Amino acid sequence: MIDREFKFQLEGYSLTTARILYRMPDHPAILQTYVWQDYDLAPEFPALNSFLDFWRRKLDGPLHSVEVAAKRLIGLRELRLVREEYRLN
């Protein structure tokens, strides 16, 4: 059985980290930081955009800014076809 994260990496997903700065609902002059991380497809970032839409609809702290970093963990150079597998007991 293939691990979920490994399958995403093979499908072109990258590990995406977003640093979200938002204003405190009771103290709008104070900024708070939230870090979000998941596998997502760059450069559209559908999972991150879905999360940010949820934030805008359901949470009280208005967004100030979002910084995004994405890194593919598996590239084409790191994959190679294995034709045979031997097992020794």
Protein backbone atom coordinates (compact mmCIF):
# COMPACT_ATOMS: atom_id res chain seq x y z
CA MET A 1 0.00 0.00 0.00
CA ILE A 2 1.41 3.40 -1.03
CA ASP A 3 1.67 6.14 1.58
CA ARG A 4 -0.67 9.11 0.92
CA GLU A 5 2.15 11.68 1.05
CA PHE A 6 4.39 9.65 -1.28
CA LYS A 7 1.54 9.30 -3.80
CA PHE A 8 1.00 13.09 -3.73
CA GLN A 9 4.72 13.65 -4.35
CA LEU A 10 4.66 11.35 -7.38
CA GLU A 11 1.63 13.23 -8.74
CA GLY A 12 3.52 16.55 -8.66
CA TYR A 13 2.35 17.95 -5.36
CA SER A 14 4.85 19.97 -3.35
CA LEU A 15 5.16 20.47 0.37
CA THR A 16 3.65 23.91 0.86
CA THR A 17 4.08 26.09 3.92
CA ALA A 18 2.15 29.33 4.44
CA ARG A 19 2.85 31.89 7.13
CA ILE A 20 -0.42 33.68 7.75
CA LEU A 21 -0.47 36.98 9.60
CA TYR A 22 -3.88 38.01 10.90
CA ARG A 23 -5.29 40.67 13.17
CA MET A 24 -6.59 39.76 16.61
CA PRO A 25 -10.38 40.25 16.65
CA ASP A 26 -10.38 42.08 20.01
CA HIS A 27 -7.13 44.00 19.38
CA PRO A 28 -6.83 44.85 15.66
CA ALA A 29 -3.46 46.57 16.14
CA ILE A 30 -1.88 43.23 17.18
CA LEU A 31 -0.80 40.72 14.53
CA GLN A 32 -0.78 36.99 15.26
CA THR A 33 1.00 34.30 13.22
CA TYR A 34 -0.47 30.99 12.05
CA VAL A 35 1.58 28.41 10.10
CA TRP A 36 -0.25 26.14 7.64
CA GLN A 37 1.45 23.18 5.94
CA ASP A 38 0.14 20.54 3.55
CA TYR A 39 0.78 19.04 0.11
CA ASP A 40 -0.52 21.31 -2.64
CA LEU A 41 -0.16 21.97 -6.38
CA ALA A 42 1.95 25.02 -7.18
CA PRO A 43 1.41 27.67 -8.51
CA GLU A 44 -2.41 27.56 -8.18
CA PHE A 45 -2.39 26.20 -4.58
CA PRO A 46 -6.00 24.92 -4.52
CA ALA A 47 -5.74 23.47 -0.99
CA LEU A 48 -4.30 26.69 0.45
CA ASN A 49 -6.88 28.83 -1.34
CA SER A 50 -9.64 26.59 -0.01
CA PHE A 51 -8.27 27.01 3.52
CA LEU A 52 -8.02 30.79 3.12
CA ASP A 53 -11.61 30.94 1.81
CA PHE A 54 -12.71 28.99 4.90
CA TRP A 55 -10.76 31.43 7.08
CA ARG A 56 -12.45 34.47 5.51
CA ARG A 57 -15.94 32.94 5.85
CA LYS A 58 -15.77 31.34 9.31
CA LEU A 59 -13.05 32.97 11.44
CA ASP A 60 -13.10 36.40 13.07
CA GLY A 61 -9.44 37.39 12.68
CA PRO A 62 -9.07 39.32 9.40
CA LEU A 63 -6.09 38.34 7.26
CA HIS A 64 -3.19 40.76 7.03
CA SER A 65 -0.78 38.87 4.76
CA VAL A 66 0.16 35.38 3.57
CA GLU A 67 3.69 34.22 2.64
CA VAL A 68 3.95 30.95 0.72
CA ALA A 69 6.90 28.61 0.19
CA ALA A 70 6.68 25.40 -1.83
CA LYS A 71 9.26 22.71 -2.50
CA ARG A 72 8.90 19.56 -4.57
CA LEU A 73 10.42 16.74 -2.57
CA ILE A 74 10.79 14.31 -5.48
CA GLY A 75 12.11 15.46 -8.83
CA LEU A 76 12.63 13.60 -12.09
CA ARG A 77 16.32 13.04 -11.35
CA GLU A 78 15.46 11.23 -8.13
CA LEU A 79 13.23 8.59 -9.74
CA ARG A 80 14.50 5.65 -11.70
CA LEU A 81 12.83 2.53 -12.99
CA VAL A 82 13.66 -0.70 -11.20
CA ARG A 83 13.12 -3.69 -13.42
CA GLU A 84 13.87 -6.49 -10.99
CA GLU A 85 13.73 -7.06 -7.28
CA TYR A 86 15.51 -9.87 -5.43
CA ARG A 87 14.76 -11.00 -1.90
CA LEU A 88 17.10 -12.92 0.32
CA ASN A 89 15.86 -14.71 3.41
